[in-house]
Amino acid sequence: MFDDDTIPVYAISVAAQLTDLHPQTLRQYDKLGLVSPQRTNGRNRLYSARDIARLREVADLSAAGVSLEGIRRVLQLQAEVERLRDELQAFTREKHSTALVLWNPSRRRGA
């Protein structure tokens, strides 16, 4: 298996088997933008391990009764949360920088 889970390696038939979904369902999810596999020059879809995980998540939400529009919104919100986490992590790293701060004890406030 590959270390990078974003490398597109699975044809639609394999992705369908790995997720227990019909290939037409995968095409529908692609059309709705729920999962966006890479395309080969011949326009064949190739799915990565990350795409497979997302397909499973979509299938689980669908099985729980969430509509496709609801699933789309859930995925958008998850992406937004991830983006905000990244921003917070970057901000936190800035706040805990190793910058040198000089303190002059002879200088008092208000003096």
N, C-alpha and C. Protein backbone atom coordinates (compact mmCIF):
# COMPACT_ATOMS: atom_id res chain seq x y z
N MET A 1 0.85 -1.18 0.00
CA MET A 1 0.00 0.00 0.00
C MET A 1 0.89 1.25 0.00
N PHE A 2 0.36 2.35 -0.46
CA PHE A 2 1.10 3.59 -0.55
C PHE A 2 1.04 4.35 0.78
N ASP A 3 2.09 5.11 1.06
CA ASP A 3 2.10 5.93 2.27
C ASP A 3 1.20 7.15 2.14
N ASP A 4 1.12 7.69 0.93
CA ASP A 4 0.32 8.89 0.69
C ASP A 4 -1.11 8.48 0.35
N ASP A 5 -2.05 8.86 1.21
CA ASP A 5 -3.44 8.46 1.00
C ASP A 5 -4.17 9.29 -0.04
N THR A 6 -3.45 10.21 -0.70
CA THR A 6 -4.07 11.04 -1.73
C THR A 6 -3.73 10.57 -3.15
N ILE A 7 -2.90 9.56 -3.27
CA ILE A 7 -2.53 9.05 -4.60
C ILE A 7 -3.70 8.27 -5.18
N PRO A 8 -4.19 8.68 -6.36
CA PRO A 8 -5.33 7.98 -6.97
C PRO A 8 -4.88 6.67 -7.62
N VAL A 9 -5.35 5.57 -7.07
CA VAL A 9 -4.92 4.26 -7.56
C VAL A 9 -6.07 3.29 -7.85
N TYR A 10 -7.27 3.57 -7.37
CA TYR A 10 -8.37 2.61 -7.48
C TYR A 10 -9.33 3.00 -8.60
N ALA A 11 -9.55 2.09 -9.52
CA ALA A 11 -10.57 2.29 -10.56
C ALA A 11 -11.94 2.26 -9.89
N ILE A 12 -12.94 2.73 -10.60
CA ILE A 12 -14.28 2.82 -10.02
C ILE A 12 -14.81 1.45 -9.59
N SER A 13 -14.49 0.41 -10.34
CA SER A 13 -14.96 -0.93 -9.98
C SER A 13 -14.35 -1.39 -8.66
N VAL A 14 -13.08 -1.09 -8.43
CA VAL A 14 -12.41 -1.45 -7.18
C VAL A 14 -12.95 -0.59 -6.04
N ALA A 15 -13.11 0.69 -6.28
CA ALA A 15 -13.65 1.58 -5.26
C ALA A 15 -15.06 1.13 -4.85
N ALA A 16 -15.85 0.71 -5.82
CA ALA A 16 -17.19 0.22 -5.52
C ALA A 16 -17.13 -1.02 -4.63
N GLN A 17 -16.21 -1.93 -4.93
CA GLN A 17 -16.07 -3.13 -4.11
C GLN A 17 -15.59 -2.79 -2.70
N LEU A 18 -14.64 -1.89 -2.59
CA LEU A 18 -14.09 -1.52 -1.29
C LEU A 18 -15.11 -0.83 -0.39
N THR A 19 -16.08 -0.18 -0.99
CA THR A 19 -17.08 0.58 -0.22
C THR A 19 -18.45 -0.09 -0.18
N ASP A 20 -18.58 -1.21 -0.88
CA ASP A 20 -19.88 -1.90 -0.98
C ASP A 20 -20.95 -1.00 -1.57
N LEU A 21 -20.55 -0.15 -2.52
CA LEU A 21 -21.48 0.73 -3.22
C LEU A 21 -21.49 0.36 -4.69
N HIS A 22 -22.58 0.65 -5.35
CA HIS A 22 -22.69 0.41 -6.79
C HIS A 22 -21.90 1.49 -7.52
N PRO A 23 -21.24 1.14 -8.63
CA PRO A 23 -20.49 2.14 -9.39
C PRO A 23 -21.34 3.36 -9.78
N GLN A 24 -22.62 3.14 -10.05
CA GLN A 24 -23.49 4.26 -10.40
C GLN A 24 -23.67 5.21 -9.22
N THR A 25 -23.67 4.66 -8.02
CA THR A 25 -23.75 5.49 -6.82
C THR A 25 -22.50 6.36 -6.71
N LEU A 26 -21.34 5.78 -7.00
CA LEU A 26 -20.09 6.55 -6.98
C LEU A 26 -20.13 7.66 -8.01
N ARG A 27 -20.67 7.38 -9.18
CA ARG A 27 -20.81 8.41 -10.22
C ARG A 27 -21.72 9.54 -9.74
N GLN A 28 -22.82 9.17 -9.07
CA GLN A 28 -23.75 10.17 -8.55
C GLN A 28 -23.08 11.04 -7.50
N TYR A 29 -22.34 10.42 -6.58
CA TYR A 29 -21.62 11.18 -5.56
C TYR A 29 -20.62 12.12 -6.20
N ASP A 30 -19.97 11.69 -7.26
CA ASP A 30 -19.03 12.54 -7.98
C ASP A 30 -19.77 13.72 -8.62
N LYS A 31 -20.89 13.42 -9.25
CA LYS A 31 -21.68 14.46 -9.91
C LYS A 31 -22.16 15.51 -8.91
N LEU A 32 -22.50 15.08 -7.70
CA LEU A 32 -22.97 15.99 -6.65
C LEU A 32 -21.82 16.69 -5.92
N GLY A 33 -20.59 16.29 -6.20
CA GLY A 33 -19.43 16.90 -5.57
C GLY A 33 -19.15 16.39 -4.17
N LEU A 34 -19.74 15.27 -3.80
CA LEU A 34 -19.49 14.71 -2.47
C LEU A 34 -18.11 14.06 -2.40
N VAL A 35 -17.69 13.49 -3.50
CA VAL A 35 -16.35 12.90 -3.65
C VAL A 35 -15.88 13.27 -5.04
N SER A 36 -14.64 13.72 -5.14
CA SER A 36 -14.11 14.15 -6.44
C SER A 36 -12.85 13.38 -6.79
N PRO A 37 -13.01 12.21 -7.41
CA PRO A 37 -11.83 11.43 -7.78
C PRO A 37 -11.04 12.10 -8.91
N GLN A 38 -9.78 11.71 -9.02
CA GLN A 38 -8.96 12.20 -10.13
C GLN A 38 -9.46 11.57 -11.43
N ARG A 39 -9.12 12.19 -12.53
CA ARG A 39 -9.50 11.65 -13.84
C ARG A 39 -8.25 11.35 -14.64
N THR A 40 -8.28 10.24 -15.37
CA THR A 40 -7.20 9.92 -16.29
C THR A 40 -7.46 10.66 -17.59
N ASN A 41 -6.52 10.58 -18.52
CA ASN A 41 -6.72 11.23 -19.82
C ASN A 41 -7.97 10.73 -20.51
N GLY A 42 -8.31 9.49 -20.29
CA GLY A 42 -9.52 8.91 -20.88
C GLY A 42 -10.78 9.21 -20.09
N ARG A 43 -10.65 10.11 -19.11
CA ARG A 43 -11.77 10.53 -18.27
C ARG A 43 -12.23 9.44 -17.29
N ASN A 44 -11.43 8.38 -17.13
CA ASN A 44 -11.75 7.36 -16.14
C ASN A 44 -11.46 7.89 -14.75
N ARG A 45 -12.32 7.55 -13.81
CA ARG A 45 -12.14 8.00 -12.43
C ARG A 45 -11.13 7.10 -11.72
N LEU A 46 -10.25 7.74 -10.95
CA LEU A 46 -9.33 7.01 -10.09
C LEU A 46 -9.48 7.56 -8.67
N TYR A 47 -9.69 6.66 -7.73
CA TYR A 47 -9.96 7.03 -6.34
C TYR A 47 -8.73 6.77 -5.48
N SER A 48 -8.49 7.66 -4.54
CA SER A 48 -7.41 7.50 -3.57
C SER A 48 -7.96 6.84 -2.30
N ALA A 49 -7.05 6.49 -1.40
CA ALA A 49 -7.49 5.94 -0.11
C ALA A 49 -8.34 6.96 0.65
N ARG A 50 -7.99 8.24 0.52
CA ARG A 50 -8.78 9.30 1.16
C ARG A 50 -10.19 9.36 0.55
N ASP A 51 -10.29 9.19 -0.77
CA ASP A 51 -11.60 9.16 -1.43
C ASP A 51 -12.42 7.98 -0.93
N ILE A 52 -11.77 6.83 -0.76
CA ILE A 52 -12.47 5.63 -0.27
C ILE A 52 -13.03 5.90 1.13
N ALA A 53 -12.22 6.51 1.99
CA ALA A 53 -12.69 6.83 3.35
C ALA A 53 -13.88 7.79 3.29
N ARG A 54 -13.81 8.75 2.39
CA ARG A 54 -14.92 9.71 2.27
C ARG A 54 -16.17 9.02 1.73
N LEU A 55 -16.01 8.12 0.78
CA LEU A 55 -17.16 7.37 0.26
C LEU A 55 -17.82 6.57 1.39
N ARG A 56 -17.01 5.97 2.23
CA ARG A 56 -17.57 5.21 3.36
C ARG A 56 -18.32 6.13 4.32
N GLU A 57 -17.77 7.32 4.54
CA GLU A 57 -18.43 8.30 5.41
C GLU A 57 -19.77 8.73 4.81
N VAL A 58 -19.78 8.99 3.52
CA VAL A 58 -21.02 9.38 2.83
C VAL A 58 -22.04 8.24 2.93
N ALA A 59 -21.59 7.01 2.71
CA ALA A 59 -22.48 5.86 2.79
C ALA A 59 -23.05 5.70 4.20
N ASP A 60 -22.20 5.91 5.22
CA ASP A 60 -22.67 5.81 6.61
C ASP A 60 -23.72 6.88 6.92
N LEU A 61 -23.47 8.10 6.47
CA LEU A 61 -24.44 9.17 6.70
C LEU A 61 -25.75 8.90 5.97
N SER A 62 -25.63 8.40 4.75
CA SER A 62 -26.82 8.07 3.97
C SER A 62 -27.62 6.96 4.65
N ALA A 63 -26.92 5.94 5.15
CA ALA A 63 -27.59 4.84 5.85
C ALA A 63 -28.26 5.31 7.13
N ALA A 64 -27.73 6.38 7.72
CA ALA A 64 -28.32 6.94 8.94
C ALA A 64 -29.52 7.82 8.64
N GLY A 65 -29.83 7.98 7.35
CA GLY A 65 -31.01 8.75 6.98
C GLY A 65 -30.76 10.19 6.60
N VAL A 66 -29.50 10.59 6.49
CA VAL A 66 -29.18 11.96 6.12
C VAL A 66 -29.33 12.09 4.60
N SER A 67 -29.99 13.14 4.16
CA SER A 67 -30.19 13.37 2.73
C SER A 67 -28.86 13.72 2.07
N LEU A 68 -28.80 13.60 0.76
CA LEU A 68 -27.56 13.94 0.05
C LEU A 68 -27.19 15.41 0.24
N GLU A 69 -28.18 16.28 0.27
CA GLU A 69 -27.91 17.70 0.53
C GLU A 69 -27.39 17.88 1.96
N GLY A 70 -27.95 17.14 2.90
CA GLY A 70 -27.47 17.18 4.28
C GLY A 70 -26.04 16.68 4.38
N ILE A 71 -25.73 15.62 3.65
CA ILE A 71 -24.38 15.08 3.63
C ILE A 71 -23.42 16.11 3.06
N ARG A 72 -23.82 16.77 1.99
CA ARG A 72 -22.97 17.80 1.39
C ARG A 72 -22.66 18.89 2.42
N ARG A 73 -23.67 19.28 3.17
CA ARG A 73 -23.49 20.33 4.18
C ARG A 73 -22.59 19.84 5.32
N VAL A 74 -22.79 18.61 5.77
CA VAL A 74 -21.94 18.04 6.83
C VAL A 74 -20.48 18.05 6.38
N LEU A 75 -20.23 17.64 5.14
CA LEU A 75 -18.86 17.61 4.62
C LEU A 75 -18.27 19.02 4.53
N GLN A 76 -19.09 19.99 4.14
CA GLN A 76 -18.63 21.38 4.10
C GLN A 76 -18.25 21.86 5.49
N LEU A 77 -19.09 21.55 6.47
CA LEU A 77 -18.82 21.99 7.84
C LEU A 77 -17.57 21.31 8.40
N GLN A 78 -17.39 20.04 8.07
CA GLN A 78 -16.17 19.35 8.52
C GLN A 78 -14.93 20.00 7.92
N ALA A 79 -15.00 20.37 6.65
CA ALA A 79 -13.87 21.04 6.00
C ALA A 79 -13.60 22.39 6.66
N GLU A 80 -14.67 23.11 7.01
CA GLU A 80 -14.53 24.41 7.68
C GLU A 80 -13.89 24.24 9.05
N VAL A 81 -14.31 23.24 9.80
CA VAL A 81 -13.72 22.97 11.11
C VAL A 81 -12.23 22.66 10.96
N GLU A 82 -11.88 21.85 9.99
CA GLU A 82 -10.48 21.50 9.75
C GLU A 82 -9.66 22.74 9.39
N ARG A 83 -10.22 23.62 8.56
CA ARG A 83 -9.54 24.85 8.18
C ARG A 83 -9.31 25.73 9.41
N LEU A 84 -10.34 25.84 10.25
CA LEU A 84 -10.22 26.66 11.46
C LEU A 84 -9.22 26.06 12.45
N ARG A 85 -9.17 24.75 12.54
CA ARG A 85 -8.17 24.09 13.40
C ARG A 85 -6.76 24.42 12.92
N ASP A 86 -6.58 24.36 11.60
CA ASP A 86 -5.27 24.69 11.04
C ASP A 86 -4.88 26.13 11.35
N GLU A 87 -5.85 27.04 11.20
CA GLU A 87 -5.60 28.46 11.52
C GLU A 87 -5.24 28.64 12.99
N LEU A 88 -5.99 27.97 13.86
CA LEU A 88 -5.74 28.07 15.29
C LEU A 88 -4.36 27.52 15.63
N GLN A 89 -4.02 26.41 15.02
CA GLN A 89 -2.71 25.81 15.26
C GLN A 89 -1.59 26.75 14.81
N ALA A 90 -1.75 27.38 13.66
CA ALA A 90 -0.76 28.33 13.17
C ALA A 90 -0.67 29.53 14.11
N PHE A 91 -1.81 30.02 14.55
CA PHE A 91 -1.84 31.16 15.48
C PHE A 91 -1.17 30.80 16.79
N THR A 92 -1.45 29.60 17.29
CA THR A 92 -0.86 29.15 18.54
C THR A 92 0.65 29.03 18.42
N ARG A 93 1.13 28.54 17.29
CA ARG A 93 2.57 28.45 17.06
C ARG A 93 3.20 29.85 17.07
N GLU A 94 2.52 30.83 16.47
CA GLU A 94 3.02 32.20 16.47
C GLU A 94 3.10 32.74 17.90
N LYS A 95 2.08 32.48 18.69
CA LYS A 95 2.03 32.98 20.05
C LYS A 95 3.12 32.37 20.92
N HIS A 96 3.51 31.15 20.62
CA HIS A 96 4.54 30.46 21.40
C HIS A 96 5.87 30.46 20.66
N SER A 97 6.15 31.55 20.02
CA SER A 97 7.41 31.63 19.28
C SER A 97 8.57 31.73 20.26
N THR A 98 9.74 31.58 19.74
CA THR A 98 10.94 31.66 20.56
C THR A 98 11.58 33.04 20.45
N ALA A 99 10.75 34.05 20.18
CA ALA A 99 11.26 35.41 20.05
C ALA A 99 11.86 35.87 21.37
N LEU A 100 12.93 36.61 21.28
CA LEU A 100 13.61 37.14 22.45
C LEU A 100 12.89 38.41 22.90
N VAL A 101 12.52 38.43 24.18
CA VAL A 101 11.86 39.59 24.76
C VAL A 101 12.79 40.16 25.82
N LEU A 102 13.08 41.44 25.69
CA LEU A 102 13.97 42.10 26.65
C LEU A 102 13.13 42.81 27.70
N TRP A 103 13.57 42.70 28.93
CA TRP A 103 12.87 43.34 30.04
C TRP A 103 13.87 44.20 30.78
N ASN A 104 13.49 45.41 31.02
CA ASN A 104 14.35 46.34 31.73
C ASN A 104 13.70 46.65 33.07
N PRO A 105 14.21 46.06 34.15
CA PRO A 105 13.55 46.24 35.45
C PRO A 105 13.62 47.67 35.97
N SER A 106 14.55 48.50 35.47
CA SER A 106 14.64 49.87 35.95
C SER A 106 13.57 50.75 35.33
N ARG A 107 12.97 50.27 34.29
CA ARG A 107 11.91 51.06 33.63
C ARG A 107 10.57 50.63 34.21
N ARG A 108 9.90 51.54 34.85
CA ARG A 108 8.62 51.21 35.47
C ARG A 108 7.49 51.81 34.65
N ARG A 109 6.33 51.19 34.78
CA ARG A 109 5.14 51.72 34.11
C ARG A 109 4.79 53.06 34.65
N GLY A 110 4.39 53.94 33.75
CA GLY A 110 3.92 55.24 34.14
C GLY A 110 5.05 56.20 34.49
N ALA A 111 6.27 55.74 34.45
CA ALA A 111 7.38 56.62 34.82
C ALA A 111 7.90 57.38 33.63
